[in-house]
N, C-alpha and C. Protein backbone atom coordinates (compact mmCIF):
# COMPACT_ATOMS: atom_id res chain seq x y z
N UNK A 1 0.83 -1.19 0.00
CA UNK A 1 0.00 0.00 0.00
C UNK A 1 0.87 1.25 0.00
N UNK A 2 0.49 2.21 -0.81
CA UNK A 2 1.24 3.45 -0.90
C UNK A 2 0.84 4.42 0.19
N UNK A 3 1.70 5.33 0.44
CA UNK A 3 1.42 6.37 1.43
C UNK A 3 0.93 7.61 0.70
N UNK A 4 -0.11 8.21 1.25
CA UNK A 4 -0.62 9.44 0.66
C UNK A 4 0.00 10.64 1.37
N UNK A 5 0.38 11.61 0.59
CA UNK A 5 0.97 12.82 1.15
C UNK A 5 0.00 13.97 0.93
N UNK A 6 -0.25 14.71 1.99
CA UNK A 6 -1.13 15.87 1.90
C UNK A 6 -0.27 17.10 1.67
N UNK A 7 -0.52 17.79 0.58
CA UNK A 7 0.23 19.01 0.29
C UNK A 7 -0.73 20.19 0.28
N UNK A 8 -0.34 21.24 0.97
CA UNK A 8 -1.13 22.47 0.98
C UNK A 8 -0.45 23.48 0.08
N UNK A 9 -1.21 24.13 -0.72
CA UNK A 9 -0.64 25.19 -1.54
C UNK A 9 -0.34 26.38 -0.64
N UNK A 10 0.49 27.27 -1.10
CA UNK A 10 0.83 28.44 -0.29
C UNK A 10 -0.41 29.28 -0.01
N UNK A 11 -1.37 29.29 -0.92
CA UNK A 11 -2.61 30.04 -0.71
C UNK A 11 -3.42 29.43 0.43
N UNK A 12 -3.49 28.11 0.50
CA UNK A 12 -4.23 27.45 1.58
C UNK A 12 -3.57 27.71 2.93
N UNK A 13 -2.25 27.69 2.97
CA UNK A 13 -1.52 27.97 4.21
C UNK A 13 -1.78 29.40 4.64
N UNK A 14 -1.76 30.34 3.68
CA UNK A 14 -2.04 31.74 3.99
C UNK A 14 -3.44 31.92 4.56
N UNK A 15 -4.43 31.25 3.95
CA UNK A 15 -5.81 31.37 4.41
C UNK A 15 -5.98 30.82 5.82
N UNK A 16 -5.26 29.75 6.13
CA UNK A 16 -5.34 29.17 7.47
C UNK A 16 -4.85 30.15 8.52
N UNK A 17 -3.82 30.92 8.20
CA UNK A 17 -3.21 31.82 9.17
C UNK A 17 -3.91 33.17 9.24
N UNK A 18 -4.71 33.49 8.25
CA UNK A 18 -5.35 34.80 8.19
C UNK A 18 -6.55 34.86 9.14
N UNK A 19 -6.61 35.92 9.90
CA UNK A 19 -7.69 36.16 10.86
C UNK A 19 -8.34 37.50 10.53
N UNK A 20 -9.45 37.76 11.20
CA UNK A 20 -10.16 39.02 11.00
C UNK A 20 -10.24 39.79 12.32
N UNK A 21 -10.10 41.10 12.22
CA UNK A 21 -10.29 42.00 13.36
C UNK A 21 -11.69 42.57 13.25
N UNK A 22 -12.51 42.25 14.23
CA UNK A 22 -13.92 42.66 14.23
C UNK A 22 -14.11 43.80 15.23
N UNK A 23 -14.74 44.86 14.76
CA UNK A 23 -15.10 45.99 15.61
C UNK A 23 -16.59 45.94 15.87
N UNK A 24 -16.99 46.10 17.13
CA UNK A 24 -18.40 46.01 17.53
C UNK A 24 -18.96 47.38 17.88
N UNK A 25 -20.26 47.50 17.71
CA UNK A 25 -20.96 48.73 18.04
C UNK A 25 -21.01 48.91 19.56
N UNK A 26 -21.00 50.15 19.98
CA UNK A 26 -21.25 50.48 21.39
C UNK A 26 -22.07 51.77 21.43
N UNK A 27 -22.55 52.10 22.56
CA UNK A 27 -23.37 53.31 22.71
C UNK A 27 -22.57 54.45 23.34
N UNK A 28 -21.25 54.33 23.32
CA UNK A 28 -20.40 55.29 24.03
C UNK A 28 -19.63 56.20 23.09
N UNK A 29 -18.97 55.63 22.11
CA UNK A 29 -18.05 56.39 21.26
C UNK A 29 -18.76 57.07 20.10
N UNK A 30 -18.27 58.26 19.75
CA UNK A 30 -18.87 59.02 18.65
C UNK A 30 -18.38 58.50 17.30
N UNK A 31 -19.12 58.83 16.27
CA UNK A 31 -18.71 58.46 14.90
C UNK A 31 -17.32 59.00 14.61
N UNK A 32 -17.10 60.28 14.92
CA UNK A 32 -15.80 60.89 14.63
C UNK A 32 -14.66 60.19 15.35
N UNK A 33 -14.89 59.79 16.60
CA UNK A 33 -13.84 59.10 17.35
C UNK A 33 -13.52 57.74 16.73
N UNK A 34 -14.56 57.01 16.34
CA UNK A 34 -14.35 55.68 15.73
C UNK A 34 -13.64 55.84 14.39
N UNK A 35 -14.06 56.80 13.59
CA UNK A 35 -13.41 57.05 12.30
C UNK A 35 -11.94 57.39 12.50
N UNK A 36 -11.66 58.28 13.43
CA UNK A 36 -10.29 58.67 13.72
C UNK A 36 -9.47 57.47 14.20
N UNK A 37 -10.07 56.64 15.04
CA UNK A 37 -9.37 55.46 15.56
C UNK A 37 -9.03 54.48 14.44
N UNK A 38 -9.96 54.25 13.52
CA UNK A 38 -9.70 53.33 12.41
C UNK A 38 -8.60 53.88 11.49
N UNK A 39 -8.57 55.19 11.31
CA UNK A 39 -7.53 55.79 10.46
C UNK A 39 -6.16 55.66 11.14
N UNK A 40 -6.10 55.90 12.44
CA UNK A 40 -4.82 55.85 13.14
C UNK A 40 -4.34 54.43 13.39
N UNK A 41 -5.23 53.57 13.84
CA UNK A 41 -4.83 52.21 14.25
C UNK A 41 -4.75 51.26 13.06
N UNK A 42 -5.76 51.28 12.21
CA UNK A 42 -5.84 50.31 11.10
C UNK A 42 -5.33 50.89 9.78
N UNK A 43 -4.92 52.16 9.81
CA UNK A 43 -4.42 52.84 8.61
C UNK A 43 -5.45 52.92 7.49
N UNK A 44 -6.74 53.08 7.87
CA UNK A 44 -7.80 53.24 6.87
C UNK A 44 -7.72 54.63 6.25
N UNK A 45 -8.13 54.72 5.01
CA UNK A 45 -8.36 56.01 4.38
C UNK A 45 -9.65 56.57 5.00
N UNK A 46 -9.87 57.89 4.97
CA UNK A 46 -11.08 58.46 5.60
C UNK A 46 -12.38 57.83 5.13
N UNK A 47 -12.50 57.59 3.83
CA UNK A 47 -13.74 57.01 3.29
C UNK A 47 -13.96 55.59 3.82
N UNK A 48 -12.89 54.80 3.86
CA UNK A 48 -12.99 53.43 4.35
C UNK A 48 -13.37 53.42 5.84
N UNK A 49 -12.75 54.29 6.62
CA UNK A 49 -13.05 54.37 8.05
C UNK A 49 -14.51 54.77 8.27
N UNK A 50 -14.99 55.71 7.46
CA UNK A 50 -16.38 56.15 7.58
C UNK A 50 -17.35 55.01 7.22
N UNK A 51 -17.06 54.30 6.15
CA UNK A 51 -17.92 53.18 5.74
C UNK A 51 -17.96 52.10 6.82
N UNK A 52 -16.80 51.75 7.37
CA UNK A 52 -16.76 50.73 8.44
C UNK A 52 -17.54 51.20 9.67
N UNK A 53 -17.43 52.48 9.99
CA UNK A 53 -18.15 53.02 11.14
C UNK A 53 -19.66 52.91 10.95
N UNK A 54 -20.14 53.21 9.75
CA UNK A 54 -21.57 53.08 9.48
C UNK A 54 -22.02 51.62 9.52
N UNK A 55 -21.19 50.72 9.00
CA UNK A 55 -21.53 49.28 9.06
C UNK A 55 -21.62 48.83 10.51
N UNK A 56 -20.66 49.25 11.33
CA UNK A 56 -20.69 48.90 12.76
C UNK A 56 -21.97 49.43 13.40
N UNK A 57 -22.32 50.66 13.08
CA UNK A 57 -23.51 51.28 13.68
C UNK A 57 -24.79 50.56 13.28
N UNK A 58 -24.94 50.24 12.01
CA UNK A 58 -26.19 49.66 11.53
C UNK A 58 -26.27 48.14 11.62
N UNK A 59 -25.14 47.46 11.53
CA UNK A 59 -25.15 45.99 11.56
C UNK A 59 -24.64 45.42 12.89
N UNK A 60 -24.03 46.26 13.72
CA UNK A 60 -23.56 45.80 15.02
C UNK A 60 -22.10 45.40 15.05
N UNK A 61 -21.52 45.12 13.88
CA UNK A 61 -20.10 44.78 13.84
C UNK A 61 -19.60 44.90 12.40
N UNK A 62 -18.26 44.95 12.28
CA UNK A 62 -17.65 45.04 10.95
C UNK A 62 -16.24 44.47 11.02
N UNK A 63 -15.86 43.75 9.97
CA UNK A 63 -14.50 43.25 9.81
C UNK A 63 -13.67 44.44 9.32
N UNK A 64 -12.84 45.01 10.21
CA UNK A 64 -12.11 46.23 9.86
C UNK A 64 -10.70 45.97 9.35
N UNK A 65 -10.20 44.74 9.54
CA UNK A 65 -8.88 44.38 9.02
C UNK A 65 -8.74 42.87 9.03
N UNK A 66 -7.85 42.38 8.18
CA UNK A 66 -7.55 40.95 8.20
C UNK A 66 -6.07 40.77 7.93
N UNK A 67 -5.55 39.64 8.38
CA UNK A 67 -4.13 39.37 8.20
C UNK A 67 -3.64 38.39 9.24
N UNK A 68 -2.33 38.31 9.40
CA UNK A 68 -1.76 37.40 10.40
C UNK A 68 -2.15 37.84 11.81
N UNK A 69 -2.34 36.87 12.68
CA UNK A 69 -2.82 37.16 14.03
C UNK A 69 -1.91 38.11 14.80
N UNK A 70 -0.60 37.99 14.65
CA UNK A 70 0.32 38.86 15.40
C UNK A 70 0.13 40.33 15.03
N UNK A 71 -0.12 40.62 13.76
CA UNK A 71 -0.39 41.99 13.32
C UNK A 71 -1.72 42.49 13.91
N UNK A 72 -2.73 41.62 13.87
CA UNK A 72 -4.06 42.02 14.35
C UNK A 72 -4.09 42.19 15.87
N UNK A 73 -3.28 41.44 16.60
CA UNK A 73 -3.24 41.58 18.05
C UNK A 73 -2.84 42.99 18.46
N UNK A 74 -1.87 43.56 17.76
CA UNK A 74 -1.43 44.93 18.06
C UNK A 74 -2.55 45.93 17.78
N UNK A 75 -3.24 45.76 16.65
CA UNK A 75 -4.33 46.67 16.31
C UNK A 75 -5.50 46.50 17.29
N UNK A 76 -5.82 45.26 17.63
CA UNK A 76 -6.92 45.00 18.55
C UNK A 76 -6.63 45.65 19.91
N UNK A 77 -5.42 45.48 20.40
CA UNK A 77 -5.04 46.10 21.68
C UNK A 77 -5.17 47.61 21.62
N UNK A 78 -4.74 48.20 20.51
CA UNK A 78 -4.82 49.66 20.37
C UNK A 78 -6.27 50.12 20.36
N UNK A 79 -7.15 49.39 19.67
CA UNK A 79 -8.57 49.75 19.66
C UNK A 79 -9.18 49.61 21.05
N UNK A 80 -8.84 48.52 21.74
CA UNK A 80 -9.35 48.30 23.10
C UNK A 80 -8.86 49.39 24.04
N UNK A 81 -7.60 49.80 23.90
CA UNK A 81 -7.04 50.87 24.73
C UNK A 81 -7.74 52.21 24.50
N UNK A 82 -8.34 52.37 23.33
CA UNK A 82 -9.09 53.59 23.02
C UNK A 82 -10.54 53.49 23.50
N UNK A 83 -10.91 52.37 24.12
CA UNK A 83 -12.26 52.22 24.64
C UNK A 83 -13.24 51.63 23.66
N UNK A 84 -12.74 51.11 22.53
CA UNK A 84 -13.61 50.46 21.55
C UNK A 84 -13.73 48.98 21.89
N UNK A 85 -14.71 48.33 21.31
CA UNK A 85 -14.92 46.90 21.53
C UNK A 85 -14.52 46.15 20.27
N UNK A 86 -13.49 45.31 20.39
CA UNK A 86 -12.97 44.59 19.23
C UNK A 86 -12.46 43.22 19.65
N UNK A 87 -12.40 42.31 18.69
CA UNK A 87 -11.82 40.99 18.93
C UNK A 87 -11.32 40.40 17.62
N UNK A 88 -10.49 39.38 17.75
CA UNK A 88 -9.95 38.70 16.57
C UNK A 88 -10.70 37.39 16.40
N UNK A 89 -11.14 37.13 15.18
CA UNK A 89 -11.82 35.87 14.87
C UNK A 89 -11.04 35.11 13.82
């Protein structure tokens, strides 16, 4: 009997390691503060930050960034330190 070898393409390996940074709605922070936070922490352009802020407001949450977990941990911590509600999924 032959042995089967499982090979993952580099794209599959990348997808396995990629996580999402989710920002949640709260009743505390202003639109301007959230927009400013996304621009400073996640390096969003103003339009992107504004769109994400509206999605968070109307849908309750938004995927504001994706990438390797170590990169997202720094951004998540920075958002939490600003009083926002975020987590990595």
